[in-house]
Amino acid sequence: HKSHNIIATRSPKGEVKKRIILVAH
């Protein structure tokens, strides 16, 4: 069956140097 992930990204002001991901199902 087809399932999905939805990904929301809030970008920084400048260059992306590190990233934190919060995930819940």
PDBML (XML) file of the C-alpha atoms, coordinates in Angstrom:
<?xml version="1.0" encoding="UTF-8" ?>
<PDBx:datablock datablockName="MODEL"
   xmlns:PDBx="http://pdbml.pdb.org/schema/pdbx-v50.xsd"
   xmlns:xsi="http://www.w3.org/2001/XMLSchema-instance"
   xsi:schemaLocation="http://pdbml.pdb.org/schema/pdbx-v50.xsd pdbx-v50.xsd">
   <PDBx:atom_siteCategory>
      <PDBx:atom_site id="1">
         <PDBx:B_iso_or_equiv>0.00</PDBx:B_iso_or_equiv>
         <PDBx:Cartn_x>0.000</PDBx:Cartn_x>
         <PDBx:Cartn_y>0.000</PDBx:Cartn_y>
         <PDBx:Cartn_z>0.000</PDBx:Cartn_z>
         <PDBx:auth_asym_id>A</PDBx:auth_asym_id>
         <PDBx:auth_atom_id>CA</PDBx:auth_atom_id>
         <PDBx:auth_comp_id>HIS</PDBx:auth_comp_id>
         <PDBx:auth_seq_id>1</PDBx:auth_seq_id>
         <PDBx:group_PDB>ATOM</PDBx:group_PDB>
         <PDBx:label_alt_id xsi:nil="true" />
         <PDBx:label_asym_id>A</PDBx:label_asym_id>
         <PDBx:label_atom_id>CA</PDBx:label_atom_id>
         <PDBx:label_comp_id>HIS</PDBx:label_comp_id>
         <PDBx:label_entity_id>1</PDBx:label_entity_id>
         <PDBx:label_seq_id>1</PDBx:label_seq_id>
         <PDBx:occupancy>1.00</PDBx:occupancy>
         <PDBx:pdbx_PDB_model_num>1</PDBx:pdbx_PDB_model_num>
         <PDBx:type_symbol>C</PDBx:type_symbol>
      </PDBx:atom_site>
      <PDBx:atom_site id="2">
         <PDBx:B_iso_or_equiv>0.00</PDBx:B_iso_or_equiv>
         <PDBx:Cartn_x>1.183</PDBx:Cartn_x>
         <PDBx:Cartn_y>3.551</PDBx:Cartn_y>
         <PDBx:Cartn_z>-0.614</PDBx:Cartn_z>
         <PDBx:auth_asym_id>A</PDBx:auth_asym_id>
         <PDBx:auth_atom_id>CA</PDBx:auth_atom_id>
         <PDBx:auth_comp_id>LYS</PDBx:auth_comp_id>
         <PDBx:auth_seq_id>2</PDBx:auth_seq_id>
         <PDBx:group_PDB>ATOM</PDBx:group_PDB>
         <PDBx:label_alt_id xsi:nil="true" />
         <PDBx:label_asym_id>A</PDBx:label_asym_id>
         <PDBx:label_atom_id>CA</PDBx:label_atom_id>
         <PDBx:label_comp_id>LYS</PDBx:label_comp_id>
         <PDBx:label_entity_id>1</PDBx:label_entity_id>
         <PDBx:label_seq_id>2</PDBx:label_seq_id>
         <PDBx:occupancy>1.00</PDBx:occupancy>
         <PDBx:pdbx_PDB_model_num>1</PDBx:pdbx_PDB_model_num>
         <PDBx:type_symbol>C</PDBx:type_symbol>
      </PDBx:atom_site>
      <PDBx:atom_site id="3">
         <PDBx:B_iso_or_equiv>0.00</PDBx:B_iso_or_equiv>
         <PDBx:Cartn_x>2.123</PDBx:Cartn_x>
         <PDBx:Cartn_y>5.415</PDBx:Cartn_y>
         <PDBx:Cartn_z>2.536</PDBx:Cartn_z>
         <PDBx:auth_asym_id>A</PDBx:auth_asym_id>
         <PDBx:auth_atom_id>CA</PDBx:auth_atom_id>
         <PDBx:auth_comp_id>SER</PDBx:auth_comp_id>
         <PDBx:auth_seq_id>3</PDBx:auth_seq_id>
         <PDBx:group_PDB>ATOM</PDBx:group_PDB>
         <PDBx:label_alt_id xsi:nil="true" />
         <PDBx:label_asym_id>A</PDBx:label_asym_id>
         <PDBx:label_atom_id>CA</PDBx:label_atom_id>
         <PDBx:label_comp_id>SER</PDBx:label_comp_id>
         <PDBx:label_entity_id>1</PDBx:label_entity_id>
         <PDBx:label_seq_id>3</PDBx:label_seq_id>
         <PDBx:occupancy>1.00</PDBx:occupancy>
         <PDBx:pdbx_PDB_model_num>1</PDBx:pdbx_PDB_model_num>
         <PDBx:type_symbol>C</PDBx:type_symbol>
      </PDBx:atom_site>
      <PDBx:atom_site id="4">
         <PDBx:B_iso_or_equiv>0.00</PDBx:B_iso_or_equiv>
         <PDBx:Cartn_x>3.641</PDBx:Cartn_x>
         <PDBx:Cartn_y>8.862</PDBx:Cartn_y>
         <PDBx:Cartn_z>2.984</PDBx:Cartn_z>
         <PDBx:auth_asym_id>A</PDBx:auth_asym_id>
         <PDBx:auth_atom_id>CA</PDBx:auth_atom_id>
         <PDBx:auth_comp_id>HIS</PDBx:auth_comp_id>
         <PDBx:auth_seq_id>4</PDBx:auth_seq_id>
         <PDBx:group_PDB>ATOM</PDBx:group_PDB>
         <PDBx:label_alt_id xsi:nil="true" />
         <PDBx:label_asym_id>A</PDBx:label_asym_id>
         <PDBx:label_atom_id>CA</PDBx:label_atom_id>
         <PDBx:label_comp_id>HIS</PDBx:label_comp_id>
         <PDBx:label_entity_id>1</PDBx:label_entity_id>
         <PDBx:label_seq_id>4</PDBx:label_seq_id>
         <PDBx:occupancy>1.00</PDBx:occupancy>
         <PDBx:pdbx_PDB_model_num>1</PDBx:pdbx_PDB_model_num>
         <PDBx:type_symbol>C</PDBx:type_symbol>
      </PDBx:atom_site>
      <PDBx:atom_site id="5">
         <PDBx:B_iso_or_equiv>0.00</PDBx:B_iso_or_equiv>
         <PDBx:Cartn_x>6.032</PDBx:Cartn_x>
         <PDBx:Cartn_y>10.968</PDBx:Cartn_y>
         <PDBx:Cartn_z>5.011</PDBx:Cartn_z>
         <PDBx:auth_asym_id>A</PDBx:auth_asym_id>
         <PDBx:auth_atom_id>CA</PDBx:auth_atom_id>
         <PDBx:auth_comp_id>ASN</PDBx:auth_comp_id>
         <PDBx:auth_seq_id>5</PDBx:auth_seq_id>
         <PDBx:group_PDB>ATOM</PDBx:group_PDB>
         <PDBx:label_alt_id xsi:nil="true" />
         <PDBx:label_asym_id>A</PDBx:label_asym_id>
         <PDBx:label_atom_id>CA</PDBx:label_atom_id>
         <PDBx:label_comp_id>ASN</PDBx:label_comp_id>
         <PDBx:label_entity_id>1</PDBx:label_entity_id>
         <PDBx:label_seq_id>5</PDBx:label_seq_id>
         <PDBx:occupancy>1.00</PDBx:occupancy>
         <PDBx:pdbx_PDB_model_num>1</PDBx:pdbx_PDB_model_num>
         <PDBx:type_symbol>C</PDBx:type_symbol>
      </PDBx:atom_site>
      <PDBx:atom_site id="6">
         <PDBx:B_iso_or_equiv>0.00</PDBx:B_iso_or_equiv>
         <PDBx:Cartn_x>5.367</PDBx:Cartn_x>
         <PDBx:Cartn_y>14.694</PDBx:Cartn_y>
         <PDBx:Cartn_z>5.273</PDBx:Cartn_z>
         <PDBx:auth_asym_id>A</PDBx:auth_asym_id>
         <PDBx:auth_atom_id>CA</PDBx:auth_atom_id>
         <PDBx:auth_comp_id>ILE</PDBx:auth_comp_id>
         <PDBx:auth_seq_id>6</PDBx:auth_seq_id>
         <PDBx:group_PDB>ATOM</PDBx:group_PDB>
         <PDBx:label_alt_id xsi:nil="true" />
         <PDBx:label_asym_id>A</PDBx:label_asym_id>
         <PDBx:label_atom_id>CA</PDBx:label_atom_id>
         <PDBx:label_comp_id>ILE</PDBx:label_comp_id>
         <PDBx:label_entity_id>1</PDBx:label_entity_id>
         <PDBx:label_seq_id>6</PDBx:label_seq_id>
         <PDBx:occupancy>1.00</PDBx:occupancy>
         <PDBx:pdbx_PDB_model_num>1</PDBx:pdbx_PDB_model_num>
         <PDBx:type_symbol>C</PDBx:type_symbol>
      </PDBx:atom_site>
      <PDBx:atom_site id="7">
         <PDBx:B_iso_or_equiv>0.00</PDBx:B_iso_or_equiv>
         <PDBx:Cartn_x>8.443</PDBx:Cartn_x>
         <PDBx:Cartn_y>16.866</PDBx:Cartn_y>
         <PDBx:Cartn_z>5.793</PDBx:Cartn_z>
         <PDBx:auth_asym_id>A</PDBx:auth_asym_id>
         <PDBx:auth_atom_id>CA</PDBx:auth_atom_id>
         <PDBx:auth_comp_id>ILE</PDBx:auth_comp_id>
         <PDBx:auth_seq_id>7</PDBx:auth_seq_id>
         <PDBx:group_PDB>ATOM</PDBx:group_PDB>
         <PDBx:label_alt_id xsi:nil="true" />
         <PDBx:label_asym_id>A</PDBx:label_asym_id>
         <PDBx:label_atom_id>CA</PDBx:label_atom_id>
         <PDBx:label_comp_id>ILE</PDBx:label_comp_id>
         <PDBx:label_entity_id>1</PDBx:label_entity_id>
         <PDBx:label_seq_id>7</PDBx:label_seq_id>
         <PDBx:occupancy>1.00</PDBx:occupancy>
         <PDBx:pdbx_PDB_model_num>1</PDBx:pdbx_PDB_model_num>
         <PDBx:type_symbol>C</PDBx:type_symbol>
      </PDBx:atom_site>
      <PDBx:atom_site id="8">
         <PDBx:B_iso_or_equiv>0.00</PDBx:B_iso_or_equiv>
         <PDBx:Cartn_x>8.274</PDBx:Cartn_x>
         <PDBx:Cartn_y>20.495</PDBx:Cartn_y>
         <PDBx:Cartn_z>6.949</PDBx:Cartn_z>
         <PDBx:auth_asym_id>A</PDBx:auth_asym_id>
         <PDBx:auth_atom_id>CA</PDBx:auth_atom_id>
         <PDBx:auth_comp_id>ALA</PDBx:auth_comp_id>
         <PDBx:auth_seq_id>8</PDBx:auth_seq_id>
         <PDBx:group_PDB>ATOM</PDBx:group_PDB>
         <PDBx:label_alt_id xsi:nil="true" />
         <PDBx:label_asym_id>A</PDBx:label_asym_id>
         <PDBx:label_atom_id>CA</PDBx:label_atom_id>
         <PDBx:label_comp_id>ALA</PDBx:label_comp_id>
         <PDBx:label_entity_id>1</PDBx:label_entity_id>
         <PDBx:label_seq_id>8</PDBx:label_seq_id>
         <PDBx:occupancy>1.00</PDBx:occupancy>
         <PDBx:pdbx_PDB_model_num>1</PDBx:pdbx_PDB_model_num>
         <PDBx:type_symbol>C</PDBx:type_symbol>
      </PDBx:atom_site>
      <PDBx:atom_site id="9">
         <PDBx:B_iso_or_equiv>0.00</PDBx:B_iso_or_equiv>
         <PDBx:Cartn_x>11.498</PDBx:Cartn_x>
         <PDBx:Cartn_y>22.530</PDBx:Cartn_y>
         <PDBx:Cartn_z>6.805</PDBx:Cartn_z>
         <PDBx:auth_asym_id>A</PDBx:auth_asym_id>
         <PDBx:auth_atom_id>CA</PDBx:auth_atom_id>
         <PDBx:auth_comp_id>THR</PDBx:auth_comp_id>
         <PDBx:auth_seq_id>9</PDBx:auth_seq_id>
         <PDBx:group_PDB>ATOM</PDBx:group_PDB>
         <PDBx:label_alt_id xsi:nil="true" />
         <PDBx:label_asym_id>A</PDBx:label_asym_id>
         <PDBx:label_atom_id>CA</PDBx:label_atom_id>
         <PDBx:label_comp_id>THR</PDBx:label_comp_id>
         <PDBx:label_entity_id>1</PDBx:label_entity_id>
         <PDBx:label_seq_id>9</PDBx:label_seq_id>
         <PDBx:occupancy>1.00</PDBx:occupancy>
         <PDBx:pdbx_PDB_model_num>1</PDBx:pdbx_PDB_model_num>
         <PDBx:type_symbol>C</PDBx:type_symbol>
      </PDBx:atom_site>
      <PDBx:atom_site id="10">
         <PDBx:B_iso_or_equiv>0.00</PDBx:B_iso_or_equiv>
         <PDBx:Cartn_x>12.211</PDBx:Cartn_x>
         <PDBx:Cartn_y>25.845</PDBx:Cartn_y>
         <PDBx:Cartn_z>8.510</PDBx:Cartn_z>
         <PDBx:auth_asym_id>A</PDBx:auth_asym_id>
         <PDBx:auth_atom_id>CA</PDBx:auth_atom_id>
         <PDBx:auth_comp_id>ARG</PDBx:auth_comp_id>
         <PDBx:auth_seq_id>10</PDBx:auth_seq_id>
         <PDBx:group_PDB>ATOM</PDBx:group_PDB>
         <PDBx:label_alt_id xsi:nil="true" />
         <PDBx:label_asym_id>A</PDBx:label_asym_id>
         <PDBx:label_atom_id>CA</PDBx:label_atom_id>
         <PDBx:label_comp_id>ARG</PDBx:label_comp_id>
         <PDBx:label_entity_id>1</PDBx:label_entity_id>
         <PDBx:label_seq_id>10</PDBx:label_seq_id>
         <PDBx:occupancy>1.00</PDBx:occupancy>
         <PDBx:pdbx_PDB_model_num>1</PDBx:pdbx_PDB_model_num>
         <PDBx:type_symbol>C</PDBx:type_symbol>
      </PDBx:atom_site>
      <PDBx:atom_site id="11">
         <PDBx:B_iso_or_equiv>0.00</PDBx:B_iso_or_equiv>
         <PDBx:Cartn_x>15.373</PDBx:Cartn_x>
         <PDBx:Cartn_y>27.237</PDBx:Cartn_y>
         <PDBx:Cartn_z>6.970</PDBx:Cartn_z>
         <PDBx:auth_asym_id>A</PDBx:auth_asym_id>
         <PDBx:auth_atom_id>CA</PDBx:auth_atom_id>
         <PDBx:auth_comp_id>SER</PDBx:auth_comp_id>
         <PDBx:auth_seq_id>11</PDBx:auth_seq_id>
         <PDBx:group_PDB>ATOM</PDBx:group_PDB>
         <PDBx:label_alt_id xsi:nil="true" />
         <PDBx:label_asym_id>A</PDBx:label_asym_id>
         <PDBx:label_atom_id>CA</PDBx:label_atom_id>
         <PDBx:label_comp_id>SER</PDBx:label_comp_id>
         <PDBx:label_entity_id>1</PDBx:label_entity_id>
         <PDBx:label_seq_id>11</PDBx:label_seq_id>
         <PDBx:occupancy>1.00</PDBx:occupancy>
         <PDBx:pdbx_PDB_model_num>1</PDBx:pdbx_PDB_model_num>
         <PDBx:type_symbol>C</PDBx:type_symbol>
      </PDBx:atom_site>
      <PDBx:atom_site id="12">
         <PDBx:B_iso_or_equiv>0.00</PDBx:B_iso_or_equiv>
         <PDBx:Cartn_x>17.963</PDBx:Cartn_x>
         <PDBx:Cartn_y>29.378</PDBx:Cartn_y>
         <PDBx:Cartn_z>8.770</PDBx:Cartn_z>
         <PDBx:auth_asym_id>A</PDBx:auth_asym_id>
         <PDBx:auth_atom_id>CA</PDBx:auth_atom_id>
         <PDBx:auth_comp_id>PRO</PDBx:auth_comp_id>
         <PDBx:auth_seq_id>12</PDBx:auth_seq_id>
         <PDBx:group_PDB>ATOM</PDBx:group_PDB>
         <PDBx:label_alt_id xsi:nil="true" />
         <PDBx:label_asym_id>A</PDBx:label_asym_id>
         <PDBx:label_atom_id>CA</PDBx:label_atom_id>
         <PDBx:label_comp_id>PRO</PDBx:label_comp_id>
         <PDBx:label_entity_id>1</PDBx:label_entity_id>
         <PDBx:label_seq_id>12</PDBx:label_seq_id>
         <PDBx:occupancy>1.00</PDBx:occupancy>
         <PDBx:pdbx_PDB_model_num>1</PDBx:pdbx_PDB_model_num>
         <PDBx:type_symbol>C</PDBx:type_symbol>
      </PDBx:atom_site>
      <PDBx:atom_site id="13">
         <PDBx:B_iso_or_equiv>0.00</PDBx:B_iso_or_equiv>
         <PDBx:Cartn_x>18.864</PDBx:Cartn_x>
         <PDBx:Cartn_y>32.944</PDBx:Cartn_y>
         <PDBx:Cartn_z>7.794</PDBx:Cartn_z>
         <PDBx:auth_asym_id>A</PDBx:auth_asym_id>
         <PDBx:auth_atom_id>CA</PDBx:auth_atom_id>
         <PDBx:auth_comp_id>LYS</PDBx:auth_comp_id>
         <PDBx:auth_seq_id>13</PDBx:auth_seq_id>
         <PDBx:group_PDB>ATOM</PDBx:group_PDB>
         <PDBx:label_alt_id xsi:nil="true" />
         <PDBx:label_asym_id>A</PDBx:label_asym_id>
         <PDBx:label_atom_id>CA</PDBx:label_atom_id>
         <PDBx:label_comp_id>LYS</PDBx:label_comp_id>
         <PDBx:label_entity_id>1</PDBx:label_entity_id>
         <PDBx:label_seq_id>13</PDBx:label_seq_id>
         <PDBx:occupancy>1.00</PDBx:occupancy>
         <PDBx:pdbx_PDB_model_num>1</PDBx:pdbx_PDB_model_num>
         <PDBx:type_symbol>C</PDBx:type_symbol>
      </PDBx:atom_site>
      <PDBx:atom_site id="14">
         <PDBx:B_iso_or_equiv>0.00</PDBx:B_iso_or_equiv>
         <PDBx:Cartn_x>22.214</PDBx:Cartn_x>
         <PDBx:Cartn_y>31.912</PDBx:Cartn_y>
         <PDBx:Cartn_z>6.370</PDBx:Cartn_z>
         <PDBx:auth_asym_id>A</PDBx:auth_asym_id>
         <PDBx:auth_atom_id>CA</PDBx:auth_atom_id>
         <PDBx:auth_comp_id>GLY</PDBx:auth_comp_id>
         <PDBx:auth_seq_id>14</PDBx:auth_seq_id>
         <PDBx:group_PDB>ATOM</PDBx:group_PDB>
         <PDBx:label_alt_id xsi:nil="true" />
         <PDBx:label_asym_id>A</PDBx:label_asym_id>
         <PDBx:label_atom_id>CA</PDBx:label_atom_id>
         <PDBx:label_comp_id>GLY</PDBx:label_comp_id>
         <PDBx:label_entity_id>1</PDBx:label_entity_id>
         <PDBx:label_seq_id>14</PDBx:label_seq_id>
         <PDBx:occupancy>1.00</PDBx:occupancy>
         <PDBx:pdbx_PDB_model_num>1</PDBx:pdbx_PDB_model_num>
         <PDBx:type_symbol>C</PDBx:type_symbol>
      </PDBx:atom_site>
      <PDBx:atom_site id="15">
         <PDBx:B_iso_or_equiv>0.00</PDBx:B_iso_or_equiv>
         <PDBx:Cartn_x>24.030</PDBx:Cartn_x>
         <PDBx:Cartn_y>28.814</PDBx:Cartn_y>
         <PDBx:Cartn_z>5.259</PDBx:Cartn_z>
         <PDBx:auth_asym_id>A</PDBx:auth_asym_id>
         <PDBx:auth_atom_id>CA</PDBx:auth_atom_id>
         <PDBx:auth_comp_id>GLU</PDBx:auth_comp_id>
         <PDBx:auth_seq_id>15</PDBx:auth_seq_id>
         <PDBx:group_PDB>ATOM</PDBx:group_PDB>
         <PDBx:label_alt_id xsi:nil="true" />
         <PDBx:label_asym_id>A</PDBx:label_asym_id>
         <PDBx:label_atom_id>CA</PDBx:label_atom_id>
         <PDBx:label_comp_id>GLU</PDBx:label_comp_id>
         <PDBx:label_entity_id>1</PDBx:label_entity_id>
         <PDBx:label_seq_id>15</PDBx:label_seq_id>
         <PDBx:occupancy>1.00</PDBx:occupancy>
         <PDBx:pdbx_PDB_model_num>1</PDBx:pdbx_PDB_model_num>
         <PDBx:type_symbol>C</PDBx:type_symbol>
      </PDBx:atom_site>
      <PDBx:atom_site id="16">
         <PDBx:B_iso_or_equiv>0.00</PDBx:B_iso_or_equiv>
         <PDBx:Cartn_x>22.808</PDBx:Cartn_x>
         <PDBx:Cartn_y>25.526</PDBx:Cartn_y>
         <PDBx:Cartn_z>6.712</PDBx:Cartn_z>
         <PDBx:auth_asym_id>A</PDBx:auth_asym_id>
         <PDBx:auth_atom_id>CA</PDBx:auth_atom_id>
         <PDBx:auth_comp_id>VAL</PDBx:auth_comp_id>
         <PDBx:auth_seq_id>16</PDBx:auth_seq_id>
         <PDBx:group_PDB>ATOM</PDBx:group_PDB>
         <PDBx:label_alt_id xsi:nil="true" />
         <PDBx:label_asym_id>A</PDBx:label_asym_id>
         <PDBx:label_atom_id>CA</PDBx:label_atom_id>
         <PDBx:label_comp_id>VAL</PDBx:label_comp_id>
         <PDBx:label_entity_id>1</PDBx:label_entity_id>
         <PDBx:label_seq_id>16</PDBx:label_seq_id>
         <PDBx:occupancy>1.00</PDBx:occupancy>
         <PDBx:pdbx_PDB_model_num>1</PDBx:pdbx_PDB_model_num>
         <PDBx:type_symbol>C</PDBx:type_symbol>
      </PDBx:atom_site>
      <PDBx:atom_site id="17">
         <PDBx:B_iso_or_equiv>0.00</PDBx:B_iso_or_equiv>
         <PDBx:Cartn_x>25.615</PDBx:Cartn_x>
         <PDBx:Cartn_y>24.273</PDBx:Cartn_y>
         <PDBx:Cartn_z>8.936</PDBx:Cartn_z>
         <PDBx:auth_asym_id>A</PDBx:auth_asym_id>
         <PDBx:auth_atom_id>CA</PDBx:auth_atom_id>
         <PDBx:auth_comp_id>LYS</PDBx:auth_comp_id>
         <PDBx:auth_seq_id>17</PDBx:auth_seq_id>
         <PDBx:group_PDB>ATOM</PDBx:group_PDB>
         <PDBx:label_alt_id xsi:nil="true" />
         <PDBx:label_asym_id>A</PDBx:label_asym_id>
         <PDBx:label_atom_id>CA</PDBx:label_atom_id>
         <PDBx:label_comp_id>LYS</PDBx:label_comp_id>
         <PDBx:label_entity_id>1</PDBx:label_entity_id>
         <PDBx:label_seq_id>17</PDBx:label_seq_id>
         <PDBx:occupancy>1.00</PDBx:occupancy>
         <PDBx:pdbx_PDB_model_num>1</PDBx:pdbx_PDB_model_num>
         <PDBx:type_symbol>C</PDBx:type_symbol>
      </PDBx:atom_site>
      <PDBx:atom_site id="18">
         <PDBx:B_iso_or_equiv>0.00</PDBx:B_iso_or_equiv>
         <PDBx:Cartn_x>23.662</PDBx:Cartn_x>
         <PDBx:Cartn_y>21.881</PDBx:Cartn_y>
         <PDBx:Cartn_z>11.145</PDBx:Cartn_z>
         <PDBx:auth_asym_id>A</PDBx:auth_asym_id>
         <PDBx:auth_atom_id>CA</PDBx:auth_atom_id>
         <PDBx:auth_comp_id>LYS</PDBx:auth_comp_id>
         <PDBx:auth_seq_id>18</PDBx:auth_seq_id>
         <PDBx:group_PDB>ATOM</PDBx:group_PDB>
         <PDBx:label_alt_id xsi:nil="true" />
         <PDBx:label_asym_id>A</PDBx:label_asym_id>
         <PDBx:label_atom_id>CA</PDBx:label_atom_id>
         <PDBx:label_comp_id>LYS</PDBx:label_comp_id>
         <PDBx:label_entity_id>1</PDBx:label_entity_id>
         <PDBx:label_seq_id>18</PDBx:label_seq_id>
         <PDBx:occupancy>1.00</PDBx:occupancy>
         <PDBx:pdbx_PDB_model_num>1</PDBx:pdbx_PDB_model_num>
         <PDBx:type_symbol>C</PDBx:type_symbol>
      </PDBx:atom_site>
      <PDBx:atom_site id="19">
         <PDBx:B_iso_or_equiv>0.00</PDBx:B_iso_or_equiv>
         <PDBx:Cartn_x>20.202</PDBx:Cartn_x>
         <PDBx:Cartn_y>20.386</PDBx:Cartn_y>
         <PDBx:Cartn_z>11.308</PDBx:Cartn_z>
         <PDBx:auth_asym_id>A</PDBx:auth_asym_id>
         <PDBx:auth_atom_id>CA</PDBx:auth_atom_id>
         <PDBx:auth_comp_id>ARG</PDBx:auth_comp_id>
         <PDBx:auth_seq_id>19</PDBx:auth_seq_id>
         <PDBx:group_PDB>ATOM</PDBx:group_PDB>
         <PDBx:label_alt_id xsi:nil="true" />
         <PDBx:label_asym_id>A</PDBx:label_asym_id>
         <PDBx:label_atom_id>CA</PDBx:label_atom_id>
         <PDBx:label_comp_id>ARG</PDBx:label_comp_id>
         <PDBx:label_entity_id>1</PDBx:label_entity_id>
         <PDBx:label_seq_id>19</PDBx:label_seq_id>
         <PDBx:occupancy>1.00</PDBx:occupancy>
         <PDBx:pdbx_PDB_model_num>1</PDBx:pdbx_PDB_model_num>
         <PDBx:type_symbol>C</PDBx:type_symbol>
      </PDBx:atom_site>
      <PDBx:atom_site id="20">
         <PDBx:B_iso_or_equiv>0.00</PDBx:B_iso_or_equiv>
         <PDBx:Cartn_x>17.783</PDBx:Cartn_x>
         <PDBx:Cartn_y>19.058</PDBx:Cartn_y>
         <PDBx:Cartn_z>13.895</PDBx:Cartn_z>
         <PDBx:auth_asym_id>A</PDBx:auth_asym_id>
         <PDBx:auth_atom_id>CA</PDBx:auth_atom_id>
         <PDBx:auth_comp_id>ILE</PDBx:auth_comp_id>
         <PDBx:auth_seq_id>20</PDBx:auth_seq_id>
         <PDBx:group_PDB>ATOM</PDBx:group_PDB>
         <PDBx:label_alt_id xsi:nil="true" />
         <PDBx:label_asym_id>A</PDBx:label_asym_id>
         <PDBx:label_atom_id>CA</PDBx:label_atom_id>
         <PDBx:label_comp_id>ILE</PDBx:label_comp_id>
         <PDBx:label_entity_id>1</PDBx:label_entity_id>
         <PDBx:label_seq_id>20</PDBx:label_seq_id>
         <PDBx:occupancy>1.00</PDBx:occupancy>
         <PDBx:pdbx_PDB_model_num>1</PDBx:pdbx_PDB_model_num>
         <PDBx:type_symbol>C</PDBx:type_symbol>
      </PDBx:atom_site>
      <PDBx:atom_site id="21">
         <PDBx:B_iso_or_equiv>0.00</PDBx:B_iso_or_equiv>
         <PDBx:Cartn_x>14.879</PDBx:Cartn_x>
         <PDBx:Cartn_y>16.822</PDBx:Cartn_y>
         <PDBx:Cartn_z>12.942</PDBx:Cartn_z>
         <PDBx:auth_asym_id>A</PDBx:auth_asym_id>
         <PDBx:auth_atom_id>CA</PDBx:auth_atom_id>
         <PDBx:auth_comp_id>ILE</PDBx:auth_comp_id>
         <PDBx:auth_seq_id>21</PDBx:auth_seq_id>
         <PDBx:group_PDB>ATOM</PDBx:group_PDB>
         <PDBx:label_alt_id xsi:nil="true" />
         <PDBx:label_asym_id>A</PDBx:label_asym_id>
         <PDBx:label_atom_id>CA</PDBx:label_atom_id>
         <PDBx:label_comp_id>ILE</PDBx:label_comp_id>
         <PDBx:label_entity_id>1</PDBx:label_entity_id>
         <PDBx:label_seq_id>21</PDBx:label_seq_id>
         <PDBx:occupancy>1.00</PDBx:occupancy>
         <PDBx:pdbx_PDB_model_num>1</PDBx:pdbx_PDB_model_num>
         <PDBx:type_symbol>C</PDBx:type_symbol>
      </PDBx:atom_site>
      <PDBx:atom_site id="22">
         <PDBx:B_iso_or_equiv>0.00</PDBx:B_iso_or_equiv>
         <PDBx:Cartn_x>11.820</PDBx:Cartn_x>
         <PDBx:Cartn_y>16.150</PDBx:Cartn_y>
         <PDBx:Cartn_z>15.084</PDBx:Cartn_z>
         <PDBx:auth_asym_id>A</PDBx:auth_asym_id>
         <PDBx:auth_atom_id>CA</PDBx:auth_atom_id>
         <PDBx:auth_comp_id>LEU</PDBx:auth_comp_id>
         <PDBx:auth_seq_id>22</PDBx:auth_seq_id>
         <PDBx:group_PDB>ATOM</PDBx:group_PDB>
         <PDBx:label_alt_id xsi:nil="true" />
         <PDBx:label_asym_id>A</PDBx:label_asym_id>
         <PDBx:label_atom_id>CA</PDBx:label_atom_id>
         <PDBx:label_comp_id>LEU</PDBx:label_comp_id>
         <PDBx:label_entity_id>1</PDBx:label_entity_id>
         <PDBx:label_seq_id>22</PDBx:label_seq_id>
         <PDBx:occupancy>1.00</PDBx:occupancy>
         <PDBx:pdbx_PDB_model_num>1</PDBx:pdbx_PDB_model_num>
         <PDBx:type_symbol>C</PDBx:type_symbol>
      </PDBx:atom_site>
      <PDBx:atom_site id="23">
         <PDBx:B_iso_or_equiv>0.00</PDBx:B_iso_or_equiv>
         <PDBx:Cartn_x>9.866</PDBx:Cartn_x>
         <PDBx:Cartn_y>13.099</PDBx:Cartn_y>
         <PDBx:Cartn_z>13.974</PDBx:Cartn_z>
         <PDBx:auth_asym_id>A</PDBx:auth_asym_id>
         <PDBx:auth_atom_id>CA</PDBx:auth_atom_id>
         <PDBx:auth_comp_id>VAL</PDBx:auth_comp_id>
         <PDBx:auth_seq_id>23</PDBx:auth_seq_id>
         <PDBx:group_PDB>ATOM</PDBx:group_PDB>
         <PDBx:label_alt_id xsi:nil="true" />
         <PDBx:label_asym_id>A</PDBx:label_asym_id>
         <PDBx:label_atom_id>CA</PDBx:label_atom_id>
         <PDBx:label_comp_id>VAL</PDBx:label_comp_id>
         <PDBx:label_entity_id>1</PDBx:label_entity_id>
         <PDBx:label_seq_id>23</PDBx:label_seq_id>
         <PDBx:occupancy>1.00</PDBx:occupancy>
         <PDBx:pdbx_PDB_model_num>1</PDBx:pdbx_PDB_model_num>
         <PDBx:type_symbol>C</PDBx:type_symbol>
      </PDBx:atom_site>
      <PDBx:atom_site id="24">
         <PDBx:B_iso_or_equiv>0.00</PDBx:B_iso_or_equiv>
         <PDBx:Cartn_x>6.555</PDBx:Cartn_x>
         <PDBx:Cartn_y>11.603</PDBx:Cartn_y>
         <PDBx:Cartn_z>15.080</PDBx:Cartn_z>
         <PDBx:auth_asym_id>A</PDBx:auth_asym_id>
         <PDBx:auth_atom_id>CA</PDBx:auth_atom_id>
         <PDBx:auth_comp_id>ALA</PDBx:auth_comp_id>
         <PDBx:auth_seq_id>24</PDBx:auth_seq_id>
         <PDBx:group_PDB>ATOM</PDBx:group_PDB>
         <PDBx:label_alt_id xsi:nil="true" />
         <PDBx:label_asym_id>A</PDBx:label_asym_id>
         <PDBx:label_atom_id>CA</PDBx:label_atom_id>
         <PDBx:label_comp_id>ALA</PDBx:label_comp_id>
         <PDBx:label_entity_id>1</PDBx:label_entity_id>
         <PDBx:label_seq_id>24</PDBx:label_seq_id>
         <PDBx:occupancy>1.00</PDBx:occupancy>
         <PDBx:pdbx_PDB_model_num>1</PDBx:pdbx_PDB_model_num>
         <PDBx:type_symbol>C</PDBx:type_symbol>
      </PDBx:atom_site>
      <PDBx:atom_site id="25">
         <PDBx:B_iso_or_equiv>0.00</PDBx:B_iso_or_equiv>
         <PDBx:Cartn_x>4.285</PDBx:Cartn_x>
         <PDBx:Cartn_y>9.109</PDBx:Cartn_y>
         <PDBx:Cartn_z>13.353</PDBx:Cartn_z>
         <PDBx:auth_asym_id>A</PDBx:auth_asym_id>
         <PDBx:auth_atom_id>CA</PDBx:auth_atom_id>
         <PDBx:auth_comp_id>HIS</PDBx:auth_comp_id>
         <PDBx:auth_seq_id>25</PDBx:auth_seq_id>
         <PDBx:group_PDB>ATOM</PDBx:group_PDB>
         <PDBx:label_alt_id xsi:nil="true" />
         <PDBx:label_asym_id>A</PDBx:label_asym_id>
         <PDBx:label_atom_id>CA</PDBx:label_atom_id>
         <PDBx:label_comp_id>HIS</PDBx:label_comp_id>
         <PDBx:label_entity_id>1</PDBx:label_entity_id>
         <PDBx:label_seq_id>25</PDBx:label_seq_id>
         <PDBx:occupancy>1.00</PDBx:occupancy>
         <PDBx:pdbx_PDB_model_num>1</PDBx:pdbx_PDB_model_num>
         <PDBx:type_symbol>C</PDBx:type_symbol>
      </PDBx:atom_site>
   </PDBx:atom_siteCategory>
</PDBx:datablock>
